[in-house]
Amino acid sequence: MVGWKVADTETIKKVLELIPQQPPFRFIDSIRHLNEQGVVGSCQYREDAFFYKGHFPGYPVTPGVILVETMAQIGVVALGIYQLMQKGVSVTKLRTMTSLFAFADKIEFGGIVAPGEKVIVQGEKVYFRRGNLKTRVSMTRENGDTVCSGVLTGAGIMSDEK
C-alpha cells in the first residue's frame, strides 16, 4: 500500500469508535492505513481468549472462523464505515447502522495462529456500490508470512440517509 494517501489519526480514531463489535468479540487493535482504496489493521489475539479453552485443549489454535471474522472486521466493517464517512453519512447515523458480513469466497489458510500472536490484515476495495462492499483481504504474521486470504463482502452497511 505504498504511496497511499491515508486518513488522519482523528478519522481513524472515529472509525475505531464506530466499529459495532465489542469485546470479547472485537478483533481490531489498530488501523495503520486507511483510505478509499483499502485498509491495513492489526489484531493480537489474547492468550486468555474464550475460544482457546476448547480449540484445542492442550494445543490452542485460533479458529479459522475467528481469523475470517478478524479479516471481516478490518477489511469490510472498518473500511465500510470509512467509505460511508467519506460519502457524508453522519456519525449519529453510523452509530445506529448495522454492518453485516455477508459472503466469503476463495478463503485459503496457510498456517495456524497461536495464542498471543499478532496478525496484520490488509483489505483492498474491489467495489463499493448499492450498500455492498467487496474486498480482497489477506492476513499475515508480522514477519510477512501469509496466514489466510480471500474475498469478503459486506451488506447492509449503506443507507440513503445522511
C-alpha atoms as a PDB file:
ATOM      1  CA  MET A   1       0.000   0.000   0.000  1.00  0.00           C
ATOM      2  CA  VAL A   2       2.985   2.184  -0.720  1.00  0.00           C
ATOM      3  CA  GLY A   3       2.078   5.675  -1.812  1.00  0.00           C
ATOM      4  CA  TRP A   4      -1.340   5.622  -0.184  1.00  0.00           C
ATOM      5  CA  LYS A   5      -2.745   8.896   0.996  1.00  0.00           C
ATOM      6  CA  VAL A   6      -4.026   7.864   4.407  1.00  0.00           C
ATOM      7  CA  ALA A   7      -6.739   9.141   6.679  1.00  0.00           C
ATOM      8  CA  ASP A   8      -5.658  11.363   9.544  1.00  0.00           C
ATOM      9  CA  THR A   9      -5.423   9.961  13.074  1.00  0.00           C
ATOM     10  CA  GLU A  10      -8.690  11.582  14.175  1.00  0.00           C
ATOM     11  CA  THR A  11     -10.600   9.917  11.335  1.00  0.00           C
ATOM     12  CA  ILE A  12      -9.018   6.548  12.155  1.00  0.00           C
ATOM     13  CA  LYS A  13      -9.911   7.034  15.827  1.00  0.00           C
ATOM     14  CA  LYS A  14     -13.526   7.814  14.865  1.00  0.00           C
ATOM     15  CA  VAL A  15     -13.738   4.706  12.647  1.00  0.00           C
ATOM     16  CA  LEU A  16     -12.458   2.547  15.520  1.00  0.00           C
ATOM     17  CA  GLU A  17     -15.053   4.070  17.867  1.00  0.00           C
ATOM     18  CA  LEU A  18     -17.821   3.214  15.385  1.00  0.00           C
ATOM     19  CA  ILE A  19     -16.938  -0.476  14.997  1.00  0.00           C
ATOM     20  CA  PRO A  20     -20.026  -2.267  16.363  1.00  0.00           C
ATOM     21  CA  GLN A  21     -18.238  -5.433  17.535  1.00  0.00           C
ATOM     22  CA  GLN A  22     -17.107  -5.217  21.141  1.00  0.00           C
ATOM     23  CA  PRO A  23     -15.012  -7.416  23.454  1.00  0.00           C
ATOM     24  CA  PRO A  24     -14.789 -10.295  23.686  1.00  0.00           C
ATOM     25  CA  PHE A  25     -15.731 -10.449  20.007  1.00  0.00           C
ATOM     26  CA  ARG A  26     -13.760  -7.479  18.698  1.00  0.00           C
ATOM     27  CA  PHE A  27     -10.649  -8.347  16.746  1.00  0.00           C
ATOM     28  CA  ILE A  28      -9.200  -4.961  15.795  1.00  0.00           C
ATOM     29  CA  ASP A  29      -6.432  -3.420  17.867  1.00  0.00           C
ATOM     30  CA  SER A  30      -5.309  -0.746  15.451  1.00  0.00           C
ATOM     31  CA  ILE A  31      -5.676   0.664  11.974  1.00  0.00           C
ATOM     32  CA  ARG A  32      -2.369   1.654  10.392  1.00  0.00           C
ATOM     33  CA  HIS A  33      -3.556   2.856   6.975  1.00  0.00           C
ATOM     34  CA  LEU A  34      -6.986   3.756   5.700  1.00  0.00           C
ATOM     35  CA  ASN A  35      -8.236   5.404   2.537  1.00  0.00           C
ATOM     36  CA  GLU A  36     -10.890   4.933  -0.128  1.00  0.00           C
ATOM     37  CA  GLN A  37      -8.952   2.072  -1.712  1.00  0.00           C
ATOM     38  CA  GLY A  38      -8.233  -0.026   1.349  1.00  0.00           C
ATOM     39  CA  VAL A  39      -7.234  -0.581   4.931  1.00  0.00           C
ATOM     40  CA  VAL A  40      -4.390  -2.100   6.941  1.00  0.00           C
ATOM     41  CA  GLY A  41      -5.022  -3.040  10.550  1.00  0.00           C
ATOM     42  CA  SER A  42      -3.817  -5.433  13.199  1.00  0.00           C
ATOM     43  CA  CYS A  43      -5.001  -7.723  15.945  1.00  0.00           C
ATOM     44  CA  GLN A  44      -3.104  -9.507  18.682  1.00  0.00           C
ATOM     45  CA  TYR A  45      -5.109 -12.438  19.991  1.00  0.00           C
ATOM     46  CA  ARG A  46      -5.241 -12.523  23.764  1.00  0.00           C
ATOM     47  CA  GLU A  47      -3.731 -15.648  25.257  1.00  0.00           C
ATOM     48  CA  ASP A  48      -6.757 -15.960  27.552  1.00  0.00           C
ATOM     49  CA  ALA A  49      -9.350 -15.522  24.759  1.00  0.00           C
ATOM     50  CA  PHE A  50     -12.526 -17.528  25.328  1.00  0.00           C
ATOM     51  CA  PHE A  51     -12.135 -19.729  22.243  1.00  0.00           C
ATOM     52  CA  TYR A  52      -8.741 -21.241  23.130  1.00  0.00           C
ATOM     53  CA  LYS A  53     -10.088 -23.284  26.026  1.00  0.00           C
ATOM     54  CA  GLY A  54     -11.928 -25.622  23.675  1.00  0.00           C
ATOM     55  CA  HIS A  55      -9.933 -25.175  20.453  1.00  0.00           C
ATOM     56  CA  PHE A  56      -7.934 -27.345  21.168  1.00  0.00           C
ATOM     57  CA  PRO A  57      -7.319 -28.413  24.792  1.00  0.00           C
ATOM     58  CA  GLY A  58      -3.577 -28.770  25.297  1.00  0.00           C
ATOM     59  CA  TYR A  59      -2.782 -27.283  21.864  1.00  0.00           C
ATOM     60  CA  PRO A  60      -4.651 -23.984  21.491  1.00  0.00           C
ATOM     61  CA  VAL A  61      -5.090 -22.700  17.946  1.00  0.00           C
ATOM     62  CA  THR A  62      -7.033 -19.643  16.775  1.00  0.00           C
ATOM     63  CA  PRO A  63     -10.142 -20.979  14.989  1.00  0.00           C
ATOM     64  CA  GLY A  64     -10.393 -20.292  11.262  1.00  0.00           C
ATOM     65  CA  VAL A  65     -13.764 -18.609  11.763  1.00  0.00           C
ATOM     66  CA  ILE A  66     -12.095 -16.117  14.129  1.00  0.00           C
ATOM     67  CA  LEU A  67      -9.407 -15.417  11.514  1.00  0.00           C
ATOM     68  CA  VAL A  68     -12.102 -14.774   8.894  1.00  0.00           C
ATOM     69  CA  GLU A  69     -14.052 -12.610  11.374  1.00  0.00           C
ATOM     70  CA  THR A  70     -10.893 -10.581  12.015  1.00  0.00           C
ATOM     71  CA  MET A  71     -10.436 -10.047   8.288  1.00  0.00           C
ATOM     72  CA  ALA A  72     -14.121  -9.035   8.021  1.00  0.00           C
ATOM     73  CA  GLN A  73     -13.967  -6.554  10.915  1.00  0.00           C
ATOM     74  CA  ILE A  74     -10.908  -4.812   9.480  1.00  0.00           C
ATOM     75  CA  GLY A  75     -11.381  -5.339   5.751  1.00  0.00           C
ATOM     76  CA  VAL A  76     -15.150  -4.908   5.494  1.00  0.00           C
ATOM     77  CA  VAL A  77     -16.575  -3.197   8.588  1.00  0.00           C
ATOM     78  CA  ALA A  78     -13.831  -0.604   9.234  1.00  0.00           C
ATOM     79  CA  LEU A  79     -13.375   0.122   5.533  1.00  0.00           C
ATOM     80  CA  GLY A  80     -17.157   0.303   5.051  1.00  0.00           C
ATOM     81  CA  ILE A  81     -17.542   2.813   7.870  1.00  0.00           C
ATOM     82  CA  TYR A  82     -14.774   4.933   6.350  1.00  0.00           C
ATOM     83  CA  GLN A  83     -16.407   4.761   2.904  1.00  0.00           C
ATOM     84  CA  LEU A  84     -19.700   5.972   4.380  1.00  0.00           C
ATOM     85  CA  MET A  85     -17.984   8.775   6.291  1.00  0.00           C
ATOM     86  CA  GLN A  86     -16.457   9.929   3.002  1.00  0.00           C
ATOM     87  CA  LYS A  87     -19.942   9.972   1.462  1.00  0.00           C
ATOM     88  CA  GLY A  88     -21.130  12.300   4.217  1.00  0.00           C
ATOM     89  CA  VAL A  89     -23.115   9.864   6.369  1.00  0.00           C
ATOM     90  CA  SER A  90     -23.290  11.408   9.846  1.00  0.00           C
ATOM     91  CA  VAL A  91     -21.607   9.866  12.866  1.00  0.00           C
ATOM     92  CA  THR A  92     -25.038   9.761  14.540  1.00  0.00           C
ATOM     93  CA  LYS A  93     -26.411   7.676  11.673  1.00  0.00           C
ATOM     94  CA  LEU A  94     -23.311   5.477  11.580  1.00  0.00           C
ATOM     95  CA  ARG A  95     -23.764   4.657  15.279  1.00  0.00           C
ATOM     96  CA  THR A  96     -27.200   3.183  14.526  1.00  0.00           C
ATOM     97  CA  MET A  97     -26.280   1.216  11.397  1.00  0.00           C
ATOM     98  CA  THR A  98     -25.611  -2.486  11.351  1.00  0.00           C
ATOM     99  CA  SER A  99     -22.723  -3.831   9.330  1.00  0.00           C
ATOM    100  CA  LEU A 100     -23.342  -7.319   8.053  1.00  0.00           C
ATOM    101  CA  PHE A 101     -20.563  -9.579   6.890  1.00  0.00           C
ATOM    102  CA  ALA A 102     -22.428 -11.356   4.111  1.00  0.00           C
ATOM    103  CA  PHE A 103     -20.176 -13.520   1.987  1.00  0.00           C
ATOM    104  CA  ALA A 104     -16.744 -15.174   1.976  1.00  0.00           C
ATOM    105  CA  ASP A 105     -15.174 -16.543  -1.181  1.00  0.00           C
ATOM    106  CA  LYS A 106     -11.882 -18.231  -2.032  1.00  0.00           C
ATOM    107  CA  ILE A 107     -10.752 -18.381   1.605  1.00  0.00           C
ATOM    108  CA  GLU A 108      -7.387 -20.100   1.843  1.00  0.00           C
ATOM    109  CA  PHE A 109      -5.464 -20.871   5.020  1.00  0.00           C
ATOM    110  CA  GLY A 110      -1.689 -21.018   5.028  1.00  0.00           C
ATOM    111  CA  GLY A 111      -0.909 -21.590   8.683  1.00  0.00           C
ATOM    112  CA  ILE A 112      -2.119 -21.558  12.246  1.00  0.00           C
ATOM    113  CA  VAL A 113      -2.185 -18.610  14.632  1.00  0.00           C
ATOM    114  CA  ALA A 114      -1.143 -19.267  18.214  1.00  0.00           C
ATOM    115  CA  PRO A 115      -2.455 -17.529  21.338  1.00  0.00           C
ATOM    116  CA  GLY A 116      -0.775 -14.153  21.820  1.00  0.00           C
ATOM    117  CA  GLU A 117       0.254 -13.870  18.177  1.00  0.00           C
ATOM    118  CA  LYS A 118      -0.196 -10.592  16.288  1.00  0.00           C
ATOM    119  CA  VAL A 119      -1.526 -10.548  12.727  1.00  0.00           C
ATOM    120  CA  ILE A 120      -1.723  -7.827  10.089  1.00  0.00           C
ATOM    121  CA  VAL A 121      -4.816  -7.585   7.876  1.00  0.00           C
ATOM    122  CA  GLN A 122      -4.794  -5.791   4.552  1.00  0.00           C
ATOM    123  CA  GLY A 123      -8.049  -5.149   2.703  1.00  0.00           C
ATOM    124  CA  GLU A 124      -8.245  -3.749  -0.804  1.00  0.00           C
ATOM    125  CA  LYS A 125     -11.583  -2.491  -2.112  1.00  0.00           C
ATOM    126  CA  VAL A 126     -12.892  -4.336  -5.156  1.00  0.00           C
ATOM    127  CA  TYR A 127     -16.098  -2.264  -5.243  1.00  0.00           C
ATOM    128  CA  PHE A 128     -18.463  -0.274  -3.053  1.00  0.00           C
ATOM    129  CA  ARG A 129     -21.923   0.122  -4.541  1.00  0.00           C
ATOM    130  CA  ARG A 130     -25.598  -0.214  -3.625  1.00  0.00           C
ATOM    131  CA  GLY A 131     -24.798  -0.930   0.001  1.00  0.00           C
ATOM    132  CA  ASN A 132     -22.276  -3.654  -0.722  1.00  0.00           C
ATOM    133  CA  LEU A 133     -18.559  -3.526  -0.094  1.00  0.00           C
ATOM    134  CA  LYS A 134     -16.415  -6.245  -1.637  1.00  0.00           C
ATOM    135  CA  THR A 135     -12.769  -6.502  -0.580  1.00  0.00           C
ATOM    136  CA  ARG A 136      -9.777  -8.667  -1.328  1.00  0.00           C
ATOM    137  CA  VAL A 137      -8.341  -9.407   2.113  1.00  0.00           C
ATOM    138  CA  SER A 138      -5.167 -11.046   3.362  1.00  0.00           C
ATOM    139  CA  MET A 139      -3.795 -11.785   6.825  1.00  0.00           C
ATOM    140  CA  THR A 140      -0.081 -12.107   7.542  1.00  0.00           C
ATOM    141  CA  ARG A 141       2.140 -12.598  10.531  1.00  0.00           C
ATOM    142  CA  GLU A 142       4.400  -9.706  11.482  1.00  0.00           C
ATOM    143  CA  ASN A 143       7.216 -11.389   9.531  1.00  0.00           C
ATOM    144  CA  GLY A 144       5.090 -11.285   6.342  1.00  0.00           C
ATOM    145  CA  ASP A 145       4.128 -14.984   6.178  1.00  0.00           C
ATOM    146  CA  THR A 146       0.565 -15.382   4.894  1.00  0.00           C
ATOM    147  CA  VAL A 147      -1.924 -16.885   7.337  1.00  0.00           C
ATOM    148  CA  CYS A 148      -5.068 -16.663   5.203  1.00  0.00           C
ATOM    149  CA  SER A 149      -6.676 -14.705   2.410  1.00  0.00           C
ATOM    150  CA  GLY A 150      -9.879 -14.421   0.444  1.00  0.00           C
ATOM    151  CA  VAL A 151     -12.602 -12.163  -0.883  1.00  0.00           C
ATOM    152  CA  LEU A 152     -15.181 -10.831   1.587  1.00  0.00           C
ATOM    153  CA  THR A 153     -18.389  -8.923   1.022  1.00  0.00           C
ATOM    154  CA  GLY A 154     -20.380  -6.841   3.485  1.00  0.00           C
ATOM    155  CA  ALA A 155     -24.016  -5.896   3.044  1.00  0.00           C
ATOM    156  CA  GLY A 156     -26.347  -3.589   4.900  1.00  0.00           C
ATOM    157  CA  ILE A 157     -23.664  -1.022   5.520  1.00  0.00           C
ATOM    158  CA  MET A 158     -25.178   1.701   3.391  1.00  0.00           C
ATOM    159  CA  SER A 159     -28.162   3.865   3.973  1.00  0.00           C
ATOM    160  CA  ASP A 160     -29.628   6.637   1.836  1.00  0.00           C
ATOM    161  CA  GLU A 161     -29.977   8.767   4.955  1.00  0.00           C
ATOM    162  CA  LYS A 162     -27.310  11.220   5.966  1.00  0.00           C
END
